[in-house]
Every structure is written in structure tokens, then in C-alpha cells.
């Protein structure tokens, strides 16, 4: 199965634009929405046939949310009935069972400003899999060797898993992770939600040129 193309949106206009590109999933960056959040929530309730990921990214992991775990749940709760997947940073993992009991899939996530060693990567993946359905591990490589290690980890670890990089220096590694079996890659449709994201049309072309196809080992 080819990797999913996911468009991250951070405004009402982003959401409208994203649907035009027919991505596999749309990630709603709730922490970035501001005053337009209620409008997008209403729009999602009735007019979207594309699976949605609800994400509230914390300040410590590159987002704008700066509250407690209880405040996180209070903010995400209205989105649970609307979304198919909920992104769950590890400090909020206590809410995983309740979210899954609602019939939603959980994406346990971590966004690191460094590159873990191999043992830490393996430990992270195993512990996160206990908290949800698709672990998402995003790192910050220091050099090409780190990218090679991330690719090898992606290839060898249990699936499904999402891997990728933070920042723009090694942004091409986002596509490389797909080549080695990452479940999906986060793109934009005109307004990047995080530094280094490719436009979805660019990523489609890159993956087509790389011929990323059914040999990635990604399950349905």
C-alpha cells in the first residue's frame, strides 16, 4: 500500500483548499486555528468525506498549546466525534483508552529536537504502540548518518508507523521515510503548518519518481 498523503491545515481557508487536492487524510491543527476553530468544526461535521486527524500540538513539541492534560482533553473533546484519528502526545496518553472506546484510532506522537540512539527509538516505538494504533516518531537529524539510521529503523520496526523529520535542513527525508515504510507523510496545500513540509503536489511527484509502491510493507 502506498504511503498516505496527509495535508495539515491551520485555518478555515486551508481546510477548503485541502479538499481540492483529494489527500488521503486531512490533519486539523487545532492548536493553530484561532478564532476559526468553531467554523471548521461545523464544516467538518457535515461536508467532509476525507478521513480527519485531530491534532493539538503542544508548545514543547513545536505547536502552540500550552496547557495541562485536562485542558488538552477539554479542547480535543468536541473534535473526537468528527475525527477518525486523534494525535496523542505521550503526556496525554492516559486519555487513549477513552478515545479508542469512542471508535477512534489513536496516533501516539513524539516530536524531538534531537536524534535518539537506536535503543531509544526502539523503546519509544514499543511504548507508544501500547498507547495507540500508529506510533508517530518525528526527530531532528544532525547529519546524513542520522537520516540513514532513521530509514533503517523505519524499515525494520513493526508496522504501521509514521516517521519523519523536523525542520527544513533534511526535509527530503520526509519522502525517504515513505520509501522505507512510513505510513504517511504530512504536506500542505499552500500554507505549511510546520517548517519543511512539501506541497502535496510536490510530494506526489517525488513519490512517483521514487516509485514508492506496494513493496513498502505498509498494511491496509
N, C-alpha and C. Protein backbone atom coordinates (compact mmCIF):
# COMPACT_ATOMS: atom_id res chain seq x y z
N UNK A 1 0.84 -1.20 0.00
CA UNK A 1 0.00 0.00 0.00
C UNK A 1 0.88 1.25 0.00
N UNK A 2 0.59 2.17 -0.88
CA UNK A 2 1.36 3.40 -0.95
C UNK A 2 1.15 4.23 0.31
N UNK A 3 2.16 5.02 0.71
CA UNK A 3 2.02 5.86 1.90
C UNK A 3 0.91 6.89 1.71
N UNK A 4 0.25 7.17 2.80
CA UNK A 4 -0.84 8.16 2.77
C UNK A 4 -0.27 9.57 2.65
N UNK A 5 -0.91 10.36 1.82
CA UNK A 5 -0.59 11.78 1.71
C UNK A 5 -1.54 12.54 2.62
N UNK A 6 -0.98 13.23 3.59
CA UNK A 6 -1.77 13.91 4.62
C UNK A 6 -1.52 15.41 4.51
N UNK A 7 -2.59 16.18 4.38
CA UNK A 7 -2.46 17.63 4.35
C UNK A 7 -2.77 18.18 5.73
N UNK A 8 -1.84 18.95 6.29
CA UNK A 8 -2.05 19.64 7.56
C UNK A 8 -2.67 21.01 7.28
N UNK A 9 -3.73 21.34 8.02
CA UNK A 9 -4.39 22.62 7.83
C UNK A 9 -4.41 23.40 9.14
N UNK A 10 -4.28 24.72 9.02
CA UNK A 10 -4.23 25.57 10.21
C UNK A 10 -5.18 26.75 10.14
N UNK A 11 -6.10 26.73 9.15
CA UNK A 11 -7.09 27.79 9.03
C UNK A 11 -8.28 27.27 8.23
N UNK A 12 -9.35 28.03 8.25
CA UNK A 12 -10.54 27.64 7.50
C UNK A 12 -10.25 27.59 6.01
N UNK A 13 -9.49 28.55 5.50
CA UNK A 13 -9.17 28.56 4.07
C UNK A 13 -8.28 27.37 3.71
N UNK A 14 -7.34 27.02 4.60
CA UNK A 14 -6.51 25.83 4.38
C UNK A 14 -7.38 24.59 4.20
N UNK A 15 -8.38 24.48 5.06
CA UNK A 15 -9.25 23.30 5.02
C UNK A 15 -10.00 23.24 3.70
N UNK A 16 -10.51 24.38 3.24
CA UNK A 16 -11.23 24.42 1.96
C UNK A 16 -10.28 24.04 0.82
N UNK A 17 -9.07 24.58 0.83
CA UNK A 17 -8.09 24.27 -0.22
C UNK A 17 -7.69 22.81 -0.19
N UNK A 18 -7.52 22.26 1.01
CA UNK A 18 -7.03 20.89 1.14
C UNK A 18 -7.94 19.89 0.44
N UNK A 19 -9.23 20.07 0.56
CA UNK A 19 -10.17 19.11 -0.03
C UNK A 19 -10.04 19.06 -1.55
N UNK A 20 -9.61 20.15 -2.16
CA UNK A 20 -9.48 20.20 -3.61
C UNK A 20 -8.38 19.27 -4.12
N UNK A 21 -7.41 18.98 -3.27
CA UNK A 21 -6.27 18.15 -3.68
C UNK A 21 -6.49 16.67 -3.40
N UNK A 22 -7.64 16.32 -2.83
CA UNK A 22 -8.00 14.93 -2.58
C UNK A 22 -6.90 14.14 -1.89
N UNK A 23 -6.46 14.59 -0.71
CA UNK A 23 -5.45 13.83 0.02
C UNK A 23 -6.08 12.57 0.61
N UNK A 24 -5.24 11.69 1.13
CA UNK A 24 -5.75 10.50 1.79
C UNK A 24 -6.34 10.84 3.16
N UNK A 25 -5.74 11.81 3.83
CA UNK A 25 -6.22 12.28 5.11
C UNK A 25 -5.97 13.79 5.22
N UNK A 26 -6.73 14.43 6.10
CA UNK A 26 -6.50 15.83 6.45
C UNK A 26 -6.24 15.91 7.94
N UNK A 27 -5.13 16.56 8.30
CA UNK A 27 -4.84 16.80 9.71
C UNK A 27 -5.31 18.20 10.08
N UNK A 28 -6.19 18.29 11.06
CA UNK A 28 -6.63 19.58 11.55
C UNK A 28 -5.73 19.99 12.71
N UNK A 29 -4.91 21.02 12.51
CA UNK A 29 -4.04 21.51 13.57
C UNK A 29 -4.83 22.45 14.46
N UNK A 30 -5.54 21.87 15.40
CA UNK A 30 -6.47 22.62 16.24
C UNK A 30 -5.75 23.71 17.02
N UNK A 31 -4.52 23.46 17.40
CA UNK A 31 -3.77 24.44 18.19
C UNK A 31 -3.46 25.71 17.39
N UNK A 32 -3.56 25.64 16.05
CA UNK A 32 -3.24 26.78 15.20
C UNK A 32 -4.47 27.50 14.65
N UNK A 33 -5.66 27.00 14.93
CA UNK A 33 -6.86 27.51 14.25
C UNK A 33 -7.30 28.89 14.70
N UNK A 34 -7.13 29.21 15.96
CA UNK A 34 -7.57 30.51 16.45
C UNK A 34 -9.07 30.66 16.40
N UNK A 35 -9.53 31.84 15.97
CA UNK A 35 -10.95 32.15 16.01
C UNK A 35 -11.77 31.34 15.01
N UNK A 36 -11.12 30.73 14.02
CA UNK A 36 -11.87 29.98 13.02
C UNK A 36 -12.20 28.55 13.43
N UNK A 37 -11.82 28.15 14.64
CA UNK A 37 -11.99 26.75 15.04
C UNK A 37 -13.44 26.29 14.97
N UNK A 38 -14.37 27.09 15.50
CA UNK A 38 -15.78 26.68 15.52
C UNK A 38 -16.33 26.52 14.11
N UNK A 39 -15.93 27.41 13.20
CA UNK A 39 -16.40 27.31 11.82
C UNK A 39 -15.92 26.03 11.15
N UNK A 40 -14.65 25.69 11.35
CA UNK A 40 -14.12 24.47 10.74
C UNK A 40 -14.77 23.24 11.36
N UNK A 41 -14.99 23.27 12.66
CA UNK A 41 -15.64 22.15 13.32
C UNK A 41 -17.01 21.88 12.71
N UNK A 42 -17.78 22.94 12.50
CA UNK A 42 -19.10 22.78 11.89
C UNK A 42 -19.00 22.28 10.45
N UNK A 43 -18.00 22.78 9.71
CA UNK A 43 -17.80 22.35 8.34
C UNK A 43 -17.46 20.86 8.30
N UNK A 44 -16.61 20.43 9.20
CA UNK A 44 -16.19 19.02 9.23
C UNK A 44 -17.36 18.10 9.58
N UNK A 45 -18.27 18.57 10.35
CA UNK A 45 -19.39 17.73 10.78
C UNK A 45 -20.28 17.30 9.62
N UNK A 46 -20.34 18.12 8.57
CA UNK A 46 -21.31 17.80 7.54
C UNK A 46 -20.79 17.65 6.14
N UNK A 47 -19.56 18.11 5.86
CA UNK A 47 -19.17 18.23 4.46
C UNK A 47 -17.80 17.66 4.12
N UNK A 48 -17.32 16.67 4.85
CA UNK A 48 -16.00 16.13 4.54
C UNK A 48 -16.07 14.60 4.50
N UNK A 49 -15.72 14.05 3.33
CA UNK A 49 -15.69 12.59 3.20
C UNK A 49 -14.25 12.08 3.21
N UNK A 50 -13.30 12.95 3.61
CA UNK A 50 -11.89 12.57 3.74
C UNK A 50 -11.61 12.33 5.22
N UNK A 51 -10.98 11.22 5.58
CA UNK A 51 -10.67 10.96 7.00
C UNK A 51 -9.87 12.10 7.62
N UNK A 52 -10.20 12.41 8.88
CA UNK A 52 -9.59 13.54 9.57
C UNK A 52 -8.75 13.08 10.76
N UNK A 53 -7.64 13.78 10.96
CA UNK A 53 -6.81 13.62 12.14
C UNK A 53 -6.95 14.89 12.98
N UNK A 54 -7.31 14.75 14.23
CA UNK A 54 -7.37 15.89 15.12
C UNK A 54 -6.09 16.01 15.92
N UNK A 55 -5.42 17.16 15.83
CA UNK A 55 -4.11 17.35 16.48
C UNK A 55 -4.08 18.65 17.26
N UNK A 56 -3.68 18.54 18.52
CA UNK A 56 -3.36 19.72 19.32
C UNK A 56 -1.90 19.58 19.71
N UNK A 57 -1.04 20.26 18.99
CA UNK A 57 0.39 20.13 19.21
C UNK A 57 0.84 21.06 20.34
N UNK A 58 1.56 20.51 21.30
CA UNK A 58 1.99 21.29 22.45
C UNK A 58 3.16 22.21 22.10
N UNK A 59 3.35 23.20 22.94
CA UNK A 59 4.44 24.16 22.76
C UNK A 59 5.79 23.46 22.77
N UNK A 60 5.92 22.46 23.62
CA UNK A 60 7.19 21.76 23.74
C UNK A 60 7.53 20.89 22.56
N UNK A 61 6.54 20.60 21.69
CA UNK A 61 6.78 19.74 20.54
C UNK A 61 6.51 20.47 19.22
N UNK A 62 6.58 21.80 19.27
CA UNK A 62 6.51 22.58 18.04
C UNK A 62 5.18 23.23 17.75
N UNK A 63 4.21 23.12 18.68
CA UNK A 63 2.90 23.72 18.45
C UNK A 63 2.67 24.95 19.32
N UNK A 64 1.39 25.27 19.53
CA UNK A 64 1.04 26.47 20.29
C UNK A 64 0.29 26.19 21.58
N UNK A 65 -0.08 24.92 21.81
CA UNK A 65 -0.85 24.61 23.02
C UNK A 65 0.07 24.58 24.23
N UNK A 66 -0.35 25.28 25.29
CA UNK A 66 0.48 25.38 26.49
C UNK A 66 -0.40 25.21 27.73
N UNK A 67 -1.05 24.05 27.81
CA UNK A 67 -1.95 23.80 28.94
C UNK A 67 -1.71 22.44 29.55
N UNK A 68 -2.55 22.11 30.52
CA UNK A 68 -2.44 20.84 31.22
C UNK A 68 -3.07 19.71 30.39
N UNK A 69 -2.89 18.48 30.87
CA UNK A 69 -3.51 17.34 30.19
C UNK A 69 -5.03 17.47 30.20
N UNK A 70 -5.60 17.90 31.30
CA UNK A 70 -7.05 18.06 31.37
C UNK A 70 -7.53 19.14 30.41
N UNK A 71 -6.76 20.21 30.29
CA UNK A 71 -7.12 21.27 29.33
C UNK A 71 -6.99 20.78 27.90
N UNK A 72 -6.01 19.92 27.66
CA UNK A 72 -5.89 19.31 26.32
C UNK A 72 -7.14 18.51 25.99
N UNK A 73 -7.60 17.70 26.93
CA UNK A 73 -8.77 16.86 26.64
C UNK A 73 -10.02 17.72 26.46
N UNK A 74 -10.15 18.76 27.25
CA UNK A 74 -11.30 19.65 27.10
C UNK A 74 -11.33 20.28 25.71
N UNK A 75 -10.16 20.58 25.18
CA UNK A 75 -10.06 21.19 23.85
C UNK A 75 -10.33 20.16 22.74
N UNK A 76 -9.85 18.93 22.92
CA UNK A 76 -9.99 17.93 21.86
C UNK A 76 -11.36 17.28 21.87
N UNK A 77 -12.03 17.29 23.00
CA UNK A 77 -13.27 16.51 23.15
C UNK A 77 -14.32 16.80 22.08
N UNK A 78 -14.60 18.06 21.72
CA UNK A 78 -15.60 18.30 20.68
C UNK A 78 -15.23 17.74 19.32
N UNK A 79 -13.92 17.50 19.10
CA UNK A 79 -13.43 17.01 17.82
C UNK A 79 -13.46 15.48 17.71
N UNK A 80 -13.56 14.80 18.84
CA UNK A 80 -13.50 13.34 18.80
C UNK A 80 -14.59 12.73 17.93
N UNK A 81 -15.86 13.18 18.02
CA UNK A 81 -16.89 12.58 17.16
C UNK A 81 -16.66 12.86 15.67
N UNK A 82 -15.93 13.92 15.35
CA UNK A 82 -15.74 14.35 13.97
C UNK A 82 -14.55 13.65 13.31
N UNK A 83 -13.51 13.41 14.09
CA UNK A 83 -12.26 12.89 13.54
C UNK A 83 -12.23 11.36 13.53
N UNK A 84 -11.45 10.83 12.61
CA UNK A 84 -11.23 9.38 12.53
C UNK A 84 -10.01 8.97 13.35
N UNK A 85 -9.06 9.90 13.49
CA UNK A 85 -7.82 9.67 14.23
C UNK A 85 -7.60 10.85 15.18
N UNK A 86 -7.04 10.56 16.35
CA UNK A 86 -6.64 11.61 17.28
C UNK A 86 -5.15 11.48 17.55
N UNK A 87 -4.41 12.55 17.30
CA UNK A 87 -3.00 12.60 17.64
C UNK A 87 -2.88 12.77 19.15
N UNK A 88 -2.02 11.94 19.76
CA UNK A 88 -1.94 11.91 21.22
C UNK A 88 -0.48 11.97 21.65
N UNK A 89 -0.02 13.13 22.08
CA UNK A 89 1.33 13.22 22.63
C UNK A 89 1.39 12.43 23.93
N UNK A 90 2.55 11.93 24.27
CA UNK A 90 2.67 10.98 25.37
C UNK A 90 2.21 11.53 26.73
N UNK A 91 2.36 12.83 27.04
CA UNK A 91 1.84 13.31 28.32
C UNK A 91 0.33 13.17 28.46
N UNK A 92 -0.37 12.96 27.33
CA UNK A 92 -1.82 12.83 27.36
C UNK A 92 -2.27 11.38 27.15
N UNK A 93 -1.34 10.44 27.27
CA UNK A 93 -1.64 9.05 26.92
C UNK A 93 -2.70 8.43 27.80
N UNK A 94 -2.95 8.99 28.97
CA UNK A 94 -4.00 8.47 29.84
C UNK A 94 -5.39 8.55 29.23
N UNK A 95 -5.55 9.36 28.20
CA UNK A 95 -6.86 9.50 27.56
C UNK A 95 -7.04 8.53 26.39
N UNK A 96 -6.02 7.73 26.12
CA UNK A 96 -6.06 6.87 24.94
C UNK A 96 -7.23 5.90 24.96
N UNK A 97 -7.43 5.21 26.07
CA UNK A 97 -8.48 4.20 26.12
C UNK A 97 -9.86 4.81 25.86
N UNK A 98 -10.12 5.95 26.47
CA UNK A 98 -11.41 6.59 26.28
C UNK A 98 -11.65 6.99 24.84
N UNK A 99 -10.60 7.48 24.18
CA UNK A 99 -10.72 7.87 22.78
C UNK A 99 -10.97 6.65 21.91
N UNK A 100 -10.25 5.58 22.16
CA UNK A 100 -10.42 4.35 21.38
C UNK A 100 -11.78 3.72 21.64
N UNK A 101 -12.29 3.86 22.86
CA UNK A 101 -13.63 3.36 23.17
C UNK A 101 -14.71 4.08 22.38
N UNK A 102 -14.38 5.27 21.89
CA UNK A 102 -15.31 6.03 21.03
C UNK A 102 -15.23 5.57 19.57
N UNK A 103 -14.42 4.56 19.31
CA UNK A 103 -14.28 4.03 17.96
C UNK A 103 -13.28 4.78 17.10
N UNK A 104 -12.41 5.55 17.74
CA UNK A 104 -11.42 6.32 17.01
C UNK A 104 -10.04 5.67 17.12
N UNK A 105 -9.21 5.86 16.09
CA UNK A 105 -7.85 5.39 16.16
C UNK A 105 -6.96 6.46 16.76
N UNK A 106 -5.96 6.02 17.48
CA UNK A 106 -5.05 6.94 18.17
C UNK A 106 -3.67 6.89 17.51
N UNK A 107 -3.12 8.08 17.28
CA UNK A 107 -1.75 8.21 16.77
C UNK A 107 -0.89 8.76 17.91
N UNK A 108 -0.26 7.88 18.70
CA UNK A 108 0.65 8.38 19.73
C UNK A 108 1.83 9.07 19.05
N UNK A 109 2.19 10.25 19.52
CA UNK A 109 3.21 11.00 18.78
C UNK A 109 4.26 11.59 19.70
N UNK A 110 5.45 11.75 19.12
CA UNK A 110 6.53 12.44 19.80
C UNK A 110 7.32 13.20 18.75
N UNK A 111 7.69 14.44 19.07
CA UNK A 111 8.44 15.31 18.17
C UNK A 111 9.68 15.78 18.93
N UNK A 112 10.83 15.30 18.52
CA UNK A 112 12.07 15.50 19.27
C UNK A 112 13.01 16.47 18.57
N UNK A 113 13.66 17.33 19.35
CA UNK A 113 14.60 18.29 18.78
C UNK A 113 16.02 17.71 18.72
N UNK A 114 16.11 16.39 18.73
CA UNK A 114 17.39 15.70 18.61
C UNK A 114 17.15 14.36 17.93
N UNK A 115 18.23 13.62 17.67
CA UNK A 115 18.12 12.29 17.08
C UNK A 115 18.41 11.24 18.14
N UNK A 116 17.40 10.43 18.52
CA UNK A 116 17.64 9.39 19.53
C UNK A 116 18.59 8.33 19.00
N UNK A 117 19.24 7.61 19.94
CA UNK A 117 20.02 6.47 19.50
C UNK A 117 19.09 5.30 19.19
N UNK A 118 19.63 4.22 18.68
CA UNK A 118 18.80 3.11 18.22
C UNK A 118 17.97 2.51 19.34
N UNK A 119 18.54 2.38 20.52
CA UNK A 119 17.81 1.80 21.65
C UNK A 119 16.63 2.67 22.05
N UNK A 120 16.83 3.98 22.04
CA UNK A 120 15.73 4.87 22.42
C UNK A 120 14.62 4.84 21.37
N UNK A 121 14.99 4.79 20.09
CA UNK A 121 13.98 4.68 19.05
C UNK A 121 13.12 3.43 19.23
N UNK A 122 13.78 2.31 19.49
CA UNK A 122 13.06 1.06 19.67
C UNK A 122 12.17 1.11 20.90
N UNK A 123 12.69 1.66 21.98
CA UNK A 123 11.91 1.78 23.22
C UNK A 123 10.71 2.68 23.03
N UNK A 124 10.90 3.80 22.34
CA UNK A 124 9.80 4.71 22.06
C UNK A 124 8.69 4.02 21.27
N UNK A 125 9.08 3.35 20.22
CA UNK A 125 8.09 2.70 19.36
C UNK A 125 7.28 1.67 20.13
N UNK A 126 7.94 0.88 20.95
CA UNK A 126 7.24 -0.17 21.70
C UNK A 126 6.29 0.42 22.73
N UNK A 127 6.74 1.43 23.46
CA UNK A 127 5.88 2.03 24.49
C UNK A 127 4.71 2.78 23.87
N UNK A 128 4.96 3.44 22.73
CA UNK A 128 3.89 4.18 22.07
C UNK A 128 2.84 3.25 21.49
N UNK A 129 3.27 2.09 21.02
CA UNK A 129 2.31 1.15 20.44
C UNK A 129 1.33 0.65 21.50
N UNK A 130 1.74 0.66 22.75
CA UNK A 130 0.84 0.28 23.83
C UNK A 130 -0.22 1.35 24.09
N UNK A 131 0.01 2.56 23.57
CA UNK A 131 -0.91 3.67 23.82
C UNK A 131 -1.81 3.99 22.64
N UNK A 132 -1.63 3.28 21.52
CA UNK A 132 -2.44 3.62 20.37
C UNK A 132 -2.20 2.70 19.19
N UNK A 133 -2.58 3.19 18.01
CA UNK A 133 -2.63 2.35 16.82
C UNK A 133 -1.47 2.58 15.86
N UNK A 134 -1.04 3.84 15.69
CA UNK A 134 0.01 4.15 14.72
C UNK A 134 1.01 5.10 15.38
N UNK A 135 2.09 4.58 15.95
CA UNK A 135 3.09 5.47 16.54
C UNK A 135 3.65 6.44 15.50
N UNK A 136 3.84 7.68 15.93
CA UNK A 136 4.42 8.71 15.08
C UNK A 136 5.66 9.26 15.77
N UNK A 137 6.82 9.03 15.16
CA UNK A 137 8.10 9.44 15.74
C UNK A 137 8.79 10.40 14.78
N UNK A 138 8.88 11.65 15.21
CA UNK A 138 9.49 12.70 14.38
C UNK A 138 10.74 13.19 15.11
N UNK A 139 11.85 13.24 14.39
CA UNK A 139 13.14 13.54 15.01
C UNK A 139 13.83 14.70 14.29
N UNK A 140 14.95 15.12 14.85
CA UNK A 140 15.75 16.18 14.23
C UNK A 140 17.16 15.64 13.97
N UNK A 141 17.44 15.21 12.73
CA UNK A 141 18.77 14.67 12.43
C UNK A 141 19.84 15.76 12.49
N UNK A 142 21.06 15.33 12.84
CA UNK A 142 22.19 16.24 12.81
C UNK A 142 23.00 16.10 11.52
N UNK A 143 22.91 14.92 10.90
CA UNK A 143 23.70 14.68 9.71
C UNK A 143 23.06 13.56 8.88
N UNK A 144 23.68 13.24 7.76
CA UNK A 144 23.13 12.21 6.88
C UNK A 144 23.12 10.83 7.54
N UNK A 145 24.09 10.59 8.42
CA UNK A 145 24.11 9.32 9.11
C UNK A 145 22.86 9.11 9.95
N UNK A 146 22.37 10.19 10.58
CA UNK A 146 21.13 10.10 11.36
C UNK A 146 19.95 9.75 10.46
N UNK A 147 19.92 10.32 9.27
CA UNK A 147 18.83 10.01 8.33
C UNK A 147 18.88 8.53 7.93
N UNK A 148 20.09 8.02 7.72
CA UNK A 148 20.22 6.60 7.38
C UNK A 148 19.72 5.73 8.53
N UNK A 149 20.06 6.10 9.77
CA UNK A 149 19.58 5.32 10.92
C UNK A 149 18.06 5.38 11.05
N UNK A 150 17.48 6.56 10.79
CA UNK A 150 16.03 6.69 10.84
C UNK A 150 15.37 5.82 9.76
N UNK A 151 15.96 5.80 8.58
CA UNK A 151 15.43 4.98 7.50
C UNK A 151 15.49 3.50 7.85
N UNK A 152 16.61 3.07 8.43
CA UNK A 152 16.77 1.66 8.81
C UNK A 152 15.76 1.29 9.91
N UNK A 153 15.58 2.19 10.87
CA UNK A 153 14.58 1.95 11.91
C UNK A 153 13.19 1.81 11.31
N UNK A 154 12.85 2.70 10.38
CA UNK A 154 11.54 2.66 9.75
C UNK A 154 11.32 1.34 9.02
N UNK A 155 12.35 0.89 8.34
CA UNK A 155 12.26 -0.36 7.59
C UNK A 155 12.03 -1.56 8.51
N UNK A 156 12.73 -1.60 9.65
CA UNK A 156 12.76 -2.80 10.47
C UNK A 156 11.67 -2.86 11.54
N UNK A 157 11.13 -1.72 11.95
CA UNK A 157 10.19 -1.75 13.08
C UNK A 157 8.82 -2.26 12.64
N UNK A 158 7.99 -2.61 13.62
CA UNK A 158 6.64 -3.10 13.33
C UNK A 158 5.84 -2.02 12.61
N UNK A 159 4.89 -2.45 11.81
CA UNK A 159 4.05 -1.53 11.06
C UNK A 159 2.61 -1.64 11.57
N UNK A 160 1.82 -0.59 11.45
CA UNK A 160 2.16 0.69 10.83
C UNK A 160 2.94 1.59 11.78
N UNK A 161 3.71 2.50 11.20
CA UNK A 161 4.45 3.50 11.95
C UNK A 161 4.61 4.72 11.04
N UNK A 162 4.60 5.89 11.64
CA UNK A 162 4.88 7.13 10.91
C UNK A 162 6.22 7.66 11.42
N UNK A 163 7.15 7.91 10.50
CA UNK A 163 8.41 8.54 10.87
C UNK A 163 8.64 9.76 9.98
N UNK A 164 9.46 10.66 10.48
CA UNK A 164 9.75 11.87 9.71
C UNK A 164 10.72 12.75 10.45
N UNK A 165 10.94 13.95 9.92
CA UNK A 165 11.92 14.86 10.49
C UNK A 165 11.30 16.23 10.73
N UNK A 166 11.89 16.94 11.69
CA UNK A 166 11.50 18.32 11.94
C UNK A 166 12.46 19.25 11.20
N UNK A 167 11.94 20.41 10.81
CA UNK A 167 12.79 21.43 10.21
C UNK A 167 12.99 21.25 8.71
N UNK A 168 13.74 22.19 8.13
CA UNK A 168 13.90 22.24 6.69
C UNK A 168 15.22 21.65 6.19
N UNK A 169 16.22 21.50 7.05
CA UNK A 169 17.55 21.10 6.58
C UNK A 169 17.53 19.73 5.90
N UNK A 170 16.82 18.79 6.49
CA UNK A 170 16.74 17.43 5.93
C UNK A 170 15.30 17.12 5.50
N UNK A 171 14.62 18.11 4.96
CA UNK A 171 13.20 17.92 4.62
C UNK A 171 12.99 16.78 3.63
N UNK A 172 13.97 16.51 2.78
CA UNK A 172 13.86 15.42 1.81
C UNK A 172 13.71 14.06 2.48
N UNK A 173 14.12 13.97 3.76
CA UNK A 173 13.99 12.71 4.48
C UNK A 173 12.52 12.35 4.73
N UNK A 174 11.62 13.31 4.61
CA UNK A 174 10.19 13.01 4.72
C UNK A 174 9.78 12.02 3.64
N UNK A 175 10.26 12.24 2.43
CA UNK A 175 9.96 11.30 1.34
C UNK A 175 10.71 9.99 1.52
N UNK A 176 11.96 10.09 2.00
CA UNK A 176 12.77 8.89 2.18
C UNK A 176 12.12 7.94 3.19
N UNK A 177 11.54 8.48 4.25
CA UNK A 177 10.87 7.63 5.23
C UNK A 177 9.72 6.84 4.58
N UNK A 178 9.03 7.46 3.64
CA UNK A 178 7.97 6.75 2.92
C UNK A 178 8.54 5.59 2.12
N UNK A 179 9.70 5.80 1.54
CA UNK A 179 10.36 4.75 0.76
C UNK A 179 10.66 3.53 1.61
N UNK A 180 10.89 3.74 2.91
CA UNK A 180 11.25 2.66 3.82
C UNK A 180 10.08 2.18 4.67
N UNK A 181 8.88 2.67 4.39
CA UNK A 181 7.70 2.08 5.03
C UNK A 181 6.90 2.95 5.96
N UNK A 182 7.15 4.26 6.01
CA UNK A 182 6.33 5.12 6.84
C UNK A 182 4.89 5.13 6.33
N UNK A 183 3.95 5.09 7.24
CA UNK A 183 2.53 5.01 6.92
C UNK A 183 2.04 6.21 6.12
N UNK A 184 2.62 7.38 6.40
CA UNK A 184 2.16 8.58 5.72
C UNK A 184 3.15 9.71 5.84
N UNK A 185 2.88 10.78 5.08
CA UNK A 185 3.74 11.96 5.10
C UNK A 185 2.86 13.20 5.13
N UNK A 186 3.24 14.17 5.96
CA UNK A 186 2.44 15.37 6.17
C UNK A 186 2.90 16.46 5.21
N UNK A 187 1.93 17.01 4.48
CA UNK A 187 2.19 18.01 3.43
C UNK A 187 1.31 19.24 3.70
N UNK A 188 1.37 20.19 2.78
CA UNK A 188 0.49 21.35 2.87
C UNK A 188 -0.17 21.60 1.51
N UNK A 189 -1.17 22.47 1.52
CA UNK A 189 -1.88 22.81 0.29
C UNK A 189 -1.78 24.30 0.00
N UNK A 190 -0.68 24.91 0.46
CA UNK A 190 -0.47 26.33 0.21
C UNK A 190 0.06 27.09 1.40
N UNK A 191 -0.16 26.55 2.59
CA UNK A 191 0.27 27.23 3.81
C UNK A 191 0.83 26.19 4.78
N UNK A 192 2.15 26.00 4.83
CA UNK A 192 2.72 24.96 5.69
C UNK A 192 2.34 25.15 7.15
N UNK A 193 1.98 24.05 7.81
CA UNK A 193 1.68 24.08 9.23
C UNK A 193 2.93 23.89 10.07
N UNK A 194 4.00 23.40 9.44
CA UNK A 194 5.29 23.27 10.12
C UNK A 194 6.41 23.42 9.11
N UNK A 195 7.55 23.86 9.58
CA UNK A 195 8.69 24.11 8.70
C UNK A 195 9.15 22.83 8.02
N UNK A 196 9.37 22.92 6.71
CA UNK A 196 9.90 21.79 5.97
C UNK A 196 8.86 20.97 5.22
N UNK A 197 7.57 21.23 5.45
CA UNK A 197 6.54 20.48 4.72
C UNK A 197 6.60 20.81 3.23
N UNK A 198 6.39 19.78 2.40
CA UNK A 198 6.26 19.96 0.97
C UNK A 198 4.80 20.20 0.61
N UNK A 199 4.58 20.91 -0.50
CA UNK A 199 3.23 20.99 -1.06
C UNK A 199 2.83 19.58 -1.50
N UNK A 200 1.57 19.25 -1.37
CA UNK A 200 1.14 17.89 -1.70
C UNK A 200 1.44 17.52 -3.15
N UNK A 201 1.34 18.47 -4.06
CA UNK A 201 1.67 18.18 -5.47
C UNK A 201 3.15 17.83 -5.62
N UNK A 202 4.01 18.53 -4.88
CA UNK A 202 5.44 18.22 -4.92
C UNK A 202 5.69 16.81 -4.39
N UNK A 203 5.05 16.49 -3.27
CA UNK A 203 5.28 15.17 -2.68
C UNK A 203 4.74 14.06 -3.58
N UNK A 204 3.62 14.29 -4.22
CA UNK A 204 3.09 13.29 -5.15
C UNK A 204 4.10 13.03 -6.27
N UNK A 205 4.70 14.10 -6.78
CA UNK A 205 5.67 13.93 -7.86
C UNK A 205 6.92 13.22 -7.36
N UNK A 206 7.40 13.59 -6.17
CA UNK A 206 8.59 12.95 -5.61
C UNK A 206 8.36 11.46 -5.43
N UNK A 207 7.24 11.09 -4.82
CA UNK A 207 6.97 9.68 -4.57
C UNK A 207 6.76 8.91 -5.86
N UNK A 208 6.20 9.59 -6.86
CA UNK A 208 6.04 8.94 -8.16
C UNK A 208 7.39 8.67 -8.80
N UNK A 209 8.30 9.64 -8.71
CA UNK A 209 9.64 9.45 -9.28
C UNK A 209 10.42 8.38 -8.52
N UNK A 210 10.19 8.29 -7.21
CA UNK A 210 10.84 7.26 -6.42
C UNK A 210 10.18 5.90 -6.61
N UNK A 211 9.01 5.91 -7.23
CA UNK A 211 8.25 4.68 -7.47
C UNK A 211 7.95 3.97 -6.15
N UNK A 212 7.49 4.74 -5.15
CA UNK A 212 7.10 4.16 -3.87
C UNK A 212 5.76 3.45 -4.08
N UNK A 213 5.79 2.13 -4.02
CA UNK A 213 4.58 1.38 -4.33
C UNK A 213 4.35 0.30 -3.28
N UNK A 214 3.74 -0.81 -3.70
CA UNK A 214 3.28 -1.81 -2.76
C UNK A 214 4.40 -2.57 -2.06
N UNK A 215 5.65 -2.29 -2.38
CA UNK A 215 6.74 -3.03 -1.74
C UNK A 215 7.19 -2.39 -0.43
N UNK A 216 6.45 -1.39 0.06
CA UNK A 216 6.84 -0.71 1.30
C UNK A 216 6.50 -1.51 2.53
N UNK A 217 5.66 -2.51 2.41
CA UNK A 217 5.28 -3.30 3.58
C UNK A 217 4.25 -2.63 4.46
N UNK A 218 3.57 -1.61 3.94
CA UNK A 218 2.57 -0.90 4.72
C UNK A 218 1.24 -1.65 4.61
N UNK A 219 0.64 -2.05 5.74
CA UNK A 219 -0.61 -2.78 5.67
C UNK A 219 -1.79 -1.86 5.42
N UNK A 220 -2.91 -2.45 5.00
CA UNK A 220 -4.16 -1.69 4.86
C UNK A 220 -4.60 -1.19 6.23
